[in-house]
Structure formats: structure tokens, C-alpha cells
Amino acid sequence: MNYLKKIGIALGISLTITLILTFINTLFNYIELYSYNIYTIIEFIIILIGSLVSGFIVGKKSYKKGWLEGLKLSIIIIILLIIFNLIFGFIFNIKIIIFYLIIISSNIIGSMFGIQKKD
């Protein structure tokens, strides 16, 4: 039960950060502060930051092997994203696979940093 609580807290904080930053980014794009190309780059960076933060939180709460905890978390996130993509009918291509690999690596890196910063 503690493991589910740890994962749930990490996913909740990551989702909150991602939603708030995405809302701000969309607001800036709506008032035409920058172009759509910059908007998509910032969206990618926001997801990367959210993934790093969730990995950091999981790594900080784990006792050993931070990379493994980050891998477990990223697999959960990837499964949720695949289900979301299947519901809305997105097709898989090489861009999506690379995107998933980047999410996996950022979660692993975040959890390795998190396990080093334990109290």
C-alpha cells in the first residue's frame, strides 16, 4: 500500500505541475505571444519537467535502486498514455515511440537524482 501511495503522490504532483504549466503556455499562445512552433517545444519541455519531478519524488521516497523505481513509474505513465491514445484513436509512429523513450529516460534520471538527495 505504501508503494501505491508513493506512486500516486508522484503522479499527482507531476500532473498538477503539467496542467498548470500547460494552462499558462496555452494562455500565452492564445494571446499570440509566440508562434505555434515555440508552443509545441514548450509543451514538450513541460512534459519533460513533469516527468523529471515525478521521478525525483519517487527516487527520494525509495530506499535503493532509484533507476528501477523510475523505470517502474515510467512504465505506469506509458501504459496510461497508450490507453489514452487508443481511446482517442491516435496511431503509433516513430515520433510517439521516441517521445515515450524520452519520458522513460527523464523518469529514470529524475529518480536517480532523487535517491541521491535523500535526507
N, C-alpha and C. Protein backbone atom coordinates (compact mmCIF):
# COMPACT_ATOMS: atom_id res chain seq x y z
N MET A 1 0.81 -1.18 0.00
CA MET A 1 0.00 0.00 0.00
C MET A 1 0.86 1.26 0.00
N ASN A 2 2.01 1.20 0.67
CA ASN A 2 2.89 2.36 0.68
C ASN A 2 3.42 2.67 -0.71
N TYR A 3 3.66 1.61 -1.49
CA TYR A 3 4.18 1.82 -2.85
C TYR A 3 3.16 2.55 -3.71
N LEU A 4 1.89 2.16 -3.62
CA LEU A 4 0.85 2.83 -4.39
C LEU A 4 0.68 4.27 -3.95
N LYS A 5 0.84 4.52 -2.66
CA LYS A 5 0.75 5.88 -2.15
C LYS A 5 1.90 6.73 -2.69
N LYS A 6 3.09 6.15 -2.72
CA LYS A 6 4.26 6.85 -3.23
C LYS A 6 4.10 7.17 -4.72
N ILE A 7 3.63 6.22 -5.49
CA ILE A 7 3.41 6.43 -6.92
C ILE A 7 2.28 7.44 -7.15
N GLY A 8 1.22 7.32 -6.37
CA GLY A 8 0.09 8.23 -6.51
C GLY A 8 0.46 9.67 -6.21
N ILE A 9 1.26 9.89 -5.17
CA ILE A 9 1.71 11.24 -4.84
C ILE A 9 2.57 11.80 -5.95
N ALA A 10 3.49 10.98 -6.46
CA ALA A 10 4.38 11.44 -7.54
C ALA A 10 3.59 11.77 -8.80
N LEU A 11 2.64 10.91 -9.16
CA LEU A 11 1.83 11.18 -10.34
C LEU A 11 0.93 12.39 -10.16
N GLY A 12 0.40 12.57 -8.96
CA GLY A 12 -0.46 13.71 -8.68
C GLY A 12 0.29 15.03 -8.77
N ILE A 13 1.47 15.09 -8.19
CA ILE A 13 2.26 16.31 -8.26
C ILE A 13 2.71 16.58 -9.69
N SER A 14 3.12 15.54 -10.39
CA SER A 14 3.54 15.70 -11.78
C SER A 14 2.38 16.18 -12.65
N LEU A 15 1.22 15.61 -12.45
CA LEU A 15 0.04 16.02 -13.23
C LEU A 15 -0.36 17.46 -12.92
N THR A 16 -0.27 17.85 -11.65
CA THR A 16 -0.60 19.22 -11.27
C THR A 16 0.36 20.22 -11.91
N ILE A 17 1.65 19.93 -11.85
CA ILE A 17 2.66 20.80 -12.48
C ILE A 17 2.42 20.89 -13.97
N THR A 18 2.19 19.76 -14.60
CA THR A 18 1.98 19.73 -16.04
C THR A 18 0.72 20.51 -16.44
N LEU A 19 -0.36 20.34 -15.70
CA LEU A 19 -1.60 21.04 -16.04
C LEU A 19 -1.47 22.55 -15.86
N ILE A 20 -0.84 22.98 -14.78
CA ILE A 20 -0.69 24.42 -14.54
C ILE A 20 0.21 25.06 -15.59
N LEU A 21 1.35 24.43 -15.87
CA LEU A 21 2.26 25.00 -16.87
C LEU A 21 1.66 24.94 -18.28
N THR A 22 0.88 23.91 -18.57
CA THR A 22 0.23 23.82 -19.87
C THR A 22 -0.84 24.91 -20.01
N PHE A 23 -1.57 25.17 -18.94
CA PHE A 23 -2.56 26.24 -18.97
C PHE A 23 -1.90 27.60 -19.23
N ILE A 24 -0.80 27.86 -18.55
CA ILE A 24 -0.08 29.12 -18.75
C ILE A 24 0.45 29.21 -20.18
N ASN A 25 1.00 28.10 -20.67
CA ASN A 25 1.53 28.07 -22.04
C ASN A 25 0.41 28.31 -23.06
N THR A 26 -0.73 27.69 -22.84
CA THR A 26 -1.86 27.87 -23.75
C THR A 26 -2.38 29.31 -23.70
N LEU A 27 -2.39 29.88 -22.52
CA LEU A 27 -2.81 31.27 -22.38
C LEU A 27 -1.87 32.20 -23.15
N PHE A 28 -0.57 31.98 -23.04
CA PHE A 28 0.39 32.79 -23.79
C PHE A 28 0.23 32.59 -25.30
N ASN A 29 -0.07 31.37 -25.70
CA ASN A 29 -0.28 31.12 -27.12
C ASN A 29 -1.59 31.77 -27.60
N TYR A 30 -2.60 31.80 -26.74
CA TYR A 30 -3.87 32.39 -27.10
C TYR A 30 -3.76 33.90 -27.34
N ILE A 31 -2.96 34.56 -26.53
CA ILE A 31 -2.77 36.00 -26.73
C ILE A 31 -1.66 36.28 -27.74
N GLU A 32 -1.23 35.22 -28.43
CA GLU A 32 -0.26 35.29 -29.53
C GLU A 32 1.05 35.95 -29.11
N LEU A 33 1.57 35.47 -28.00
CA LEU A 33 2.86 35.94 -27.53
C LEU A 33 4.00 35.31 -28.32
N TYR A 34 3.77 34.10 -28.81
CA TYR A 34 4.76 33.41 -29.63
C TYR A 34 4.05 32.49 -30.62
N SER A 35 4.83 31.91 -31.51
CA SER A 35 4.24 31.10 -32.59
C SER A 35 3.90 29.69 -32.11
N TYR A 36 3.22 28.95 -32.97
CA TYR A 36 2.80 27.60 -32.63
C TYR A 36 4.00 26.65 -32.51
N ASN A 37 5.05 26.88 -33.29
CA ASN A 37 6.24 26.03 -33.19
C ASN A 37 6.89 26.14 -31.81
N ILE A 38 6.96 27.34 -31.30
CA ILE A 38 7.51 27.54 -29.96
C ILE A 38 6.58 26.93 -28.92
N TYR A 39 5.28 27.02 -29.17
CA TYR A 39 4.29 26.43 -28.27
C TYR A 39 4.51 24.92 -28.13
N THR A 40 4.73 24.23 -29.24
CA THR A 40 4.92 22.78 -29.18
C THR A 40 6.23 22.42 -28.48
N ILE A 41 7.26 23.23 -28.67
CA ILE A 41 8.54 22.98 -27.99
C ILE A 41 8.38 23.16 -26.49
N ILE A 42 7.67 24.21 -26.09
CA ILE A 42 7.44 24.45 -24.67
C ILE A 42 6.58 23.35 -24.06
N GLU A 43 5.60 22.84 -24.80
CA GLU A 43 4.78 21.73 -24.31
C GLU A 43 5.65 20.49 -24.06
N PHE A 44 6.58 20.22 -24.95
CA PHE A 44 7.48 19.09 -24.77
C PHE A 44 8.34 19.29 -23.52
N ILE A 45 8.84 20.50 -23.32
CA ILE A 45 9.68 20.79 -22.16
C ILE A 45 8.86 20.67 -20.87
N ILE A 46 7.59 21.08 -20.91
CA ILE A 46 6.73 20.97 -19.74
C ILE A 46 6.53 19.50 -19.35
N ILE A 47 6.29 18.65 -20.32
CA ILE A 47 6.12 17.23 -20.03
C ILE A 47 7.42 16.63 -19.51
N LEU A 48 8.53 17.08 -20.04
CA LEU A 48 9.84 16.61 -19.58
C LEU A 48 10.07 17.03 -18.13
N ILE A 49 9.72 18.26 -17.78
CA ILE A 49 9.88 18.74 -16.40
C ILE A 49 8.97 17.96 -15.45
N GLY A 50 7.73 17.74 -15.85
CA GLY A 50 6.81 16.96 -15.02
C GLY A 50 7.31 15.54 -14.80
N SER A 51 7.89 14.97 -15.82
CA SER A 51 8.43 13.62 -15.71
C SER A 51 9.65 13.59 -14.79
N LEU A 52 10.51 14.57 -14.90
CA LEU A 52 11.68 14.65 -14.03
C LEU A 52 11.27 14.82 -12.57
N VAL A 53 10.27 15.66 -12.33
CA VAL A 53 9.81 15.90 -10.96
C VAL A 53 9.20 14.64 -10.36
N SER A 54 8.38 13.94 -11.13
CA SER A 54 7.78 12.71 -10.60
C SER A 54 8.84 11.65 -10.33
N GLY A 55 9.84 11.55 -11.19
CA GLY A 55 10.94 10.63 -10.95
C GLY A 55 11.73 11.02 -9.72
N PHE A 56 11.95 12.31 -9.53
CA PHE A 56 12.68 12.80 -8.36
C PHE A 56 11.94 12.46 -7.07
N ILE A 57 10.63 12.64 -7.07
CA ILE A 57 9.83 12.35 -5.88
C ILE A 57 9.87 10.86 -5.56
N VAL A 58 9.72 10.03 -6.56
CA VAL A 58 9.75 8.58 -6.34
C VAL A 58 11.14 8.15 -5.87
N GLY A 59 12.18 8.72 -6.47
CA GLY A 59 13.54 8.38 -6.06
C GLY A 59 13.83 8.81 -4.64
N LYS A 60 13.31 9.95 -4.24
CA LYS A 60 13.54 10.44 -2.89
C LYS A 60 12.85 9.58 -1.85
N LYS A 61 11.73 8.96 -2.21
CA LYS A 61 11.00 8.13 -1.27
C LYS A 61 11.41 6.66 -1.32
N SER A 62 12.28 6.29 -2.26
CA SER A 62 12.69 4.89 -2.34
C SER A 62 13.97 4.67 -1.53
N TYR A 63 14.27 3.41 -1.26
CA TYR A 63 15.40 3.08 -0.41
C TYR A 63 16.65 2.67 -1.18
N LYS A 64 16.46 2.04 -2.33
CA LYS A 64 17.61 1.65 -3.14
C LYS A 64 17.16 1.50 -4.59
N LYS A 65 18.12 1.47 -5.48
CA LYS A 65 17.89 1.31 -6.92
C LYS A 65 16.89 2.33 -7.46
N GLY A 66 17.30 3.58 -7.47
CA GLY A 66 16.44 4.64 -7.95
C GLY A 66 16.09 4.49 -9.40
N TRP A 67 17.00 3.95 -10.19
CA TRP A 67 16.73 3.79 -11.62
C TRP A 67 15.59 2.81 -11.84
N LEU A 68 15.50 1.78 -10.99
CA LEU A 68 14.43 0.79 -11.13
C LEU A 68 13.08 1.39 -10.75
N GLU A 69 13.07 2.22 -9.71
CA GLU A 69 11.83 2.88 -9.33
C GLU A 69 11.37 3.85 -10.42
N GLY A 70 12.32 4.55 -11.03
CA GLY A 70 11.97 5.44 -12.14
C GLY A 70 11.45 4.67 -13.34
N LEU A 71 12.01 3.50 -13.59
CA LEU A 71 11.55 2.67 -14.70
C LEU A 71 10.13 2.16 -14.44
N LYS A 72 9.85 1.76 -13.21
CA LYS A 72 8.50 1.31 -12.87
C LYS A 72 7.49 2.43 -13.06
N LEU A 73 7.85 3.62 -12.57
CA LEU A 73 6.96 4.77 -12.71
C LEU A 73 6.74 5.12 -14.17
N SER A 74 7.79 5.10 -14.95
CA SER A 74 7.65 5.45 -16.37
C SER A 74 6.82 4.41 -17.12
N ILE A 75 6.92 3.15 -16.74
CA ILE A 75 6.09 2.13 -17.38
C ILE A 75 4.61 2.38 -17.07
N ILE A 76 4.31 2.78 -15.83
CA ILE A 76 2.93 3.11 -15.47
C ILE A 76 2.45 4.29 -16.29
N ILE A 77 3.28 5.32 -16.42
CA ILE A 77 2.90 6.51 -17.20
C ILE A 77 2.70 6.14 -18.67
N ILE A 78 3.59 5.33 -19.23
CA ILE A 78 3.50 4.93 -20.64
C ILE A 78 2.22 4.12 -20.88
N ILE A 79 1.88 3.23 -19.95
CA ILE A 79 0.65 2.45 -20.11
C ILE A 79 -0.57 3.36 -20.09
N LEU A 80 -0.58 4.34 -19.20
CA LEU A 80 -1.69 5.30 -19.16
C LEU A 80 -1.77 6.11 -20.46
N LEU A 81 -0.63 6.51 -20.99
CA LEU A 81 -0.62 7.27 -22.23
C LEU A 81 -1.06 6.42 -23.42
N ILE A 82 -0.68 5.16 -23.45
CA ILE A 82 -1.10 4.27 -24.53
C ILE A 82 -2.61 4.06 -24.48
N ILE A 83 -3.16 3.86 -23.28
CA ILE A 83 -4.61 3.72 -23.15
C ILE A 83 -5.31 4.98 -23.63
N PHE A 84 -4.79 6.14 -23.23
CA PHE A 84 -5.35 7.42 -23.66
C PHE A 84 -5.29 7.56 -25.17
N ASN A 85 -4.16 7.17 -25.77
CA ASN A 85 -4.02 7.25 -27.23
C ASN A 85 -4.96 6.30 -27.94
N LEU A 86 -5.17 5.11 -27.39
CA LEU A 86 -6.08 4.16 -28.03
C LEU A 86 -7.53 4.61 -27.96
N ILE A 87 -7.89 5.28 -26.86
CA ILE A 87 -9.27 5.78 -26.73
C ILE A 87 -9.57 6.82 -27.79
N PHE A 88 -8.62 7.73 -28.03
CA PHE A 88 -8.85 8.81 -28.97
C PHE A 88 -8.39 8.50 -30.38
N GLY A 89 -7.95 7.28 -30.63
CA GLY A 89 -7.67 6.82 -31.98
C GLY A 89 -6.38 7.31 -32.60
N PHE A 90 -5.40 7.68 -31.77
CA PHE A 90 -4.11 8.07 -32.33
C PHE A 90 -3.38 6.84 -32.83
N ILE A 91 -2.64 7.01 -33.90
CA ILE A 91 -1.86 5.90 -34.43
C ILE A 91 -0.43 6.02 -33.92
N PHE A 92 0.22 4.89 -33.80
CA PHE A 92 1.60 4.87 -33.33
C PHE A 92 2.54 5.09 -34.51
N ASN A 93 3.50 5.95 -34.29
CA ASN A 93 4.56 6.15 -35.27
C ASN A 93 5.87 6.34 -34.53
N ILE A 94 6.91 6.60 -35.25
CA ILE A 94 8.23 6.68 -34.65
C ILE A 94 8.36 7.87 -33.71
N LYS A 95 7.64 8.96 -33.98
CA LYS A 95 7.69 10.13 -33.09
C LYS A 95 7.15 9.79 -31.70
N ILE A 96 6.06 9.05 -31.66
CA ILE A 96 5.46 8.70 -30.38
C ILE A 96 6.37 7.75 -29.61
N ILE A 97 6.99 6.82 -30.29
CA ILE A 97 7.91 5.89 -29.63
C ILE A 97 9.11 6.64 -29.06
N ILE A 98 9.65 7.58 -29.81
CA ILE A 98 10.77 8.39 -29.31
C ILE A 98 10.31 9.23 -28.12
N PHE A 99 9.11 9.77 -28.19
CA PHE A 99 8.56 10.55 -27.08
C PHE A 99 8.45 9.69 -25.82
N TYR A 100 7.97 8.46 -25.96
CA TYR A 100 7.88 7.55 -24.81
C TYR A 100 9.26 7.22 -24.26
N LEU A 101 10.24 7.03 -25.13
CA LEU A 101 11.60 6.74 -24.66
C LEU A 101 12.19 7.92 -23.90
N ILE A 102 11.87 9.13 -24.33
CA ILE A 102 12.35 10.32 -23.63
C ILE A 102 11.68 10.42 -22.26
N ILE A 103 10.40 10.10 -22.16
CA ILE A 103 9.72 10.09 -20.86
C ILE A 103 10.35 9.06 -19.94
N ILE A 104 10.64 7.88 -20.46
CA ILE A 104 11.28 6.84 -19.66
C ILE A 104 12.63 7.31 -19.14
N SER A 105 13.45 7.87 -20.02
CA SER A 105 14.77 8.31 -19.60
C SER A 105 14.71 9.46 -18.60
N SER A 106 13.78 10.39 -18.77
CA SER A 106 13.69 11.50 -17.82
C SER A 106 13.20 11.04 -16.45
N ASN A 107 12.29 10.06 -16.42
CA ASN A 107 11.87 9.50 -15.13
C ASN A 107 13.02 8.79 -14.44
N ILE A 108 13.80 8.04 -15.19
CA ILE A 108 14.93 7.33 -14.61
C ILE A 108 15.97 8.31 -14.09
N ILE A 109 16.28 9.33 -14.86
CA ILE A 109 17.26 10.33 -14.42
C ILE A 109 16.75 11.07 -13.19
N GLY A 110 15.47 11.45 -13.18
CA GLY A 110 14.90 12.12 -12.02
C GLY A 110 14.94 11.27 -10.77
N SER A 111 14.66 9.98 -10.90
CA SER A 111 14.69 9.12 -9.72
C SER A 111 16.12 8.87 -9.24
N MET A 112 17.08 8.85 -10.15
CA MET A 112 18.47 8.70 -9.72
C MET A 112 18.94 9.94 -8.97
N PHE A 113 18.51 11.11 -9.41
CA PHE A 113 18.84 12.33 -8.65
C PHE A 113 18.12 12.34 -7.31
N GLY A 114 16.88 11.86 -7.29
CA GLY A 114 16.10 11.85 -6.07
C GLY A 114 16.67 10.94 -5.01
N ILE A 115 17.18 9.79 -5.41
CA ILE A 115 17.72 8.87 -4.42
C ILE A 115 19.05 9.38 -3.85
N GLN A 116 19.74 10.22 -4.60
CA GLN A 116 20.99 10.81 -4.08
C GLN A 116 20.70 11.95 -3.11
N LYS A 117 19.54 12.58 -3.21
CA LYS A 117 19.20 13.72 -2.36
C LYS A 117 18.36 13.33 -1.17
N LYS A 118 18.46 12.10 -0.73
CA LYS A 118 17.68 11.67 0.42
C LYS A 118 18.17 12.37 1.67
N ASP A 119 17.26 12.56 2.62
CA ASP A 119 17.61 13.23 3.89
C ASP A 119 18.38 12.30 4.79
